[in-house]
Amino acid sequence: MDTPIGDSAALRSHGAILRAAAEDLGRVADHIGHRAEAVEFHGPAADRFRAQMAERNLRLRRVARELADVADIVAQAHAQNAS
């Protein structure tokens, strides 16, 4: 982030963008999870597909959590600047 630590408006904006991205990824993970479970086929290929999709879902959720964590850090920096 090339934002000077004193730029409170930019920190607030960056934090909001990061938070929105985290929420979007969470919704994508939900959607993928529901769609993978709704597919109606059975057998070993179906089991592998669901396992692979579950792994991708976990990865998306991890990235979403990390983005939310960064958004929290930016919000803390903004709060420190505002005081």
Protein backbone atom coordinates (compact mmCIF):
# COMPACT_ATOMS: atom_id res chain seq x y z
CA MET A 1 0.00 0.00 0.00
CA ASP A 2 1.57 3.30 -1.11
CA THR A 3 -0.69 5.35 1.14
CA PRO A 4 1.00 7.71 3.55
CA ILE A 5 0.09 6.70 7.09
CA GLY A 6 -1.34 10.18 7.61
CA ASP A 7 -3.95 9.83 4.83
CA SER A 8 -6.97 8.87 6.88
CA ALA A 9 -9.46 8.96 3.99
CA ALA A 10 -7.30 6.68 1.88
CA LEU A 11 -6.91 4.23 4.78
CA ARG A 12 -10.67 4.15 5.25
CA SER A 13 -11.16 3.59 1.51
CA HIS A 14 -8.56 0.80 1.34
CA GLY A 15 -10.09 -0.88 4.37
CA ALA A 16 -13.55 -0.78 2.81
CA ILE A 17 -12.26 -2.24 -0.46
CA LEU A 18 -10.48 -5.06 1.38
CA ARG A 19 -13.56 -5.78 3.51
CA ALA A 20 -15.81 -5.86 0.41
CA ALA A 21 -13.40 -8.23 -1.35
CA ALA A 22 -13.40 -10.54 1.68
CA GLU A 23 -17.20 -10.55 1.75
CA ASP A 24 -17.37 -11.20 -2.00
CA LEU A 25 -15.01 -14.16 -1.68
CA GLY A 26 -17.10 -15.52 1.18
CA ARG A 27 -20.20 -15.36 -1.03
CA VAL A 28 -18.34 -17.07 -3.89
CA ALA A 29 -17.26 -19.83 -1.50
CA ASP A 30 -20.87 -20.26 -0.34
CA HIS A 31 -22.09 -20.42 -3.92
CA ILE A 32 -19.45 -22.96 -4.96
CA GLY A 33 -20.19 -25.11 -1.93
CA HIS A 34 -23.93 -25.14 -2.59
CA ARG A 35 -23.50 -25.83 -6.29
CA ALA A 36 -21.03 -28.68 -5.73
CA GLU A 37 -23.35 -30.33 -3.24
CA ALA A 38 -26.37 -29.90 -5.51
CA VAL A 39 -24.79 -31.77 -8.42
CA GLU A 40 -26.65 -35.05 -8.68
CA PHE A 41 -24.21 -37.75 -9.64
CA HIS A 42 -22.69 -40.56 -7.64
CA GLY A 43 -19.67 -42.78 -7.57
CA PRO A 44 -15.93 -42.30 -7.25
CA ALA A 45 -15.77 -39.42 -9.73
CA ALA A 46 -18.52 -37.59 -7.83
CA ASP A 47 -16.67 -38.14 -4.56
CA ARG A 48 -13.42 -36.80 -6.04
CA PHE A 49 -15.23 -33.79 -7.51
CA ARG A 50 -16.86 -32.94 -4.18
CA ALA A 51 -13.58 -33.37 -2.32
CA GLN A 52 -11.77 -31.09 -4.78
CA MET A 53 -14.52 -28.49 -4.53
CA ALA A 54 -14.45 -28.66 -0.73
CA GLU A 55 -10.69 -28.00 -0.82
CA ARG A 56 -11.18 -25.02 -3.12
CA ASN A 57 -13.93 -23.76 -0.86
CA LEU A 58 -11.57 -23.91 2.13
CA ARG A 59 -8.89 -22.05 0.18
CA LEU A 60 -11.34 -19.31 -0.76
CA ARG A 61 -12.44 -19.00 2.85
CA ARG A 62 -8.81 -18.75 4.00
CA VAL A 63 -8.10 -15.97 1.51
CA ALA A 64 -11.32 -14.19 2.52
CA ARG A 65 -10.28 -14.41 6.19
CA GLU A 66 -6.83 -13.04 5.40
CA LEU A 67 -8.33 -10.13 3.47
CA ALA A 68 -10.64 -9.41 6.40
CA ASP A 69 -7.63 -9.52 8.74
CA VAL A 70 -5.77 -7.00 6.58
CA ALA A 71 -8.91 -4.84 6.50
CA ASP A 72 -8.91 -4.94 10.32
CA ILE A 73 -5.26 -3.84 10.41
CA VAL A 74 -6.02 -0.97 8.04
CA ALA A 75 -9.04 0.01 10.16
CA GLN A 76 -6.83 0.06 13.26
CA ALA A 77 -4.32 2.29 11.45
CA HIS A 78 -7.18 4.57 10.43
CA ALA A 79 -8.47 4.71 14.00
CA GLN A 80 -4.99 5.57 15.31
CA ASN A 81 -4.66 8.32 12.70
CA ALA A 82 -8.08 9.71 13.50
CA SER A 83 -7.30 10.07 17.20
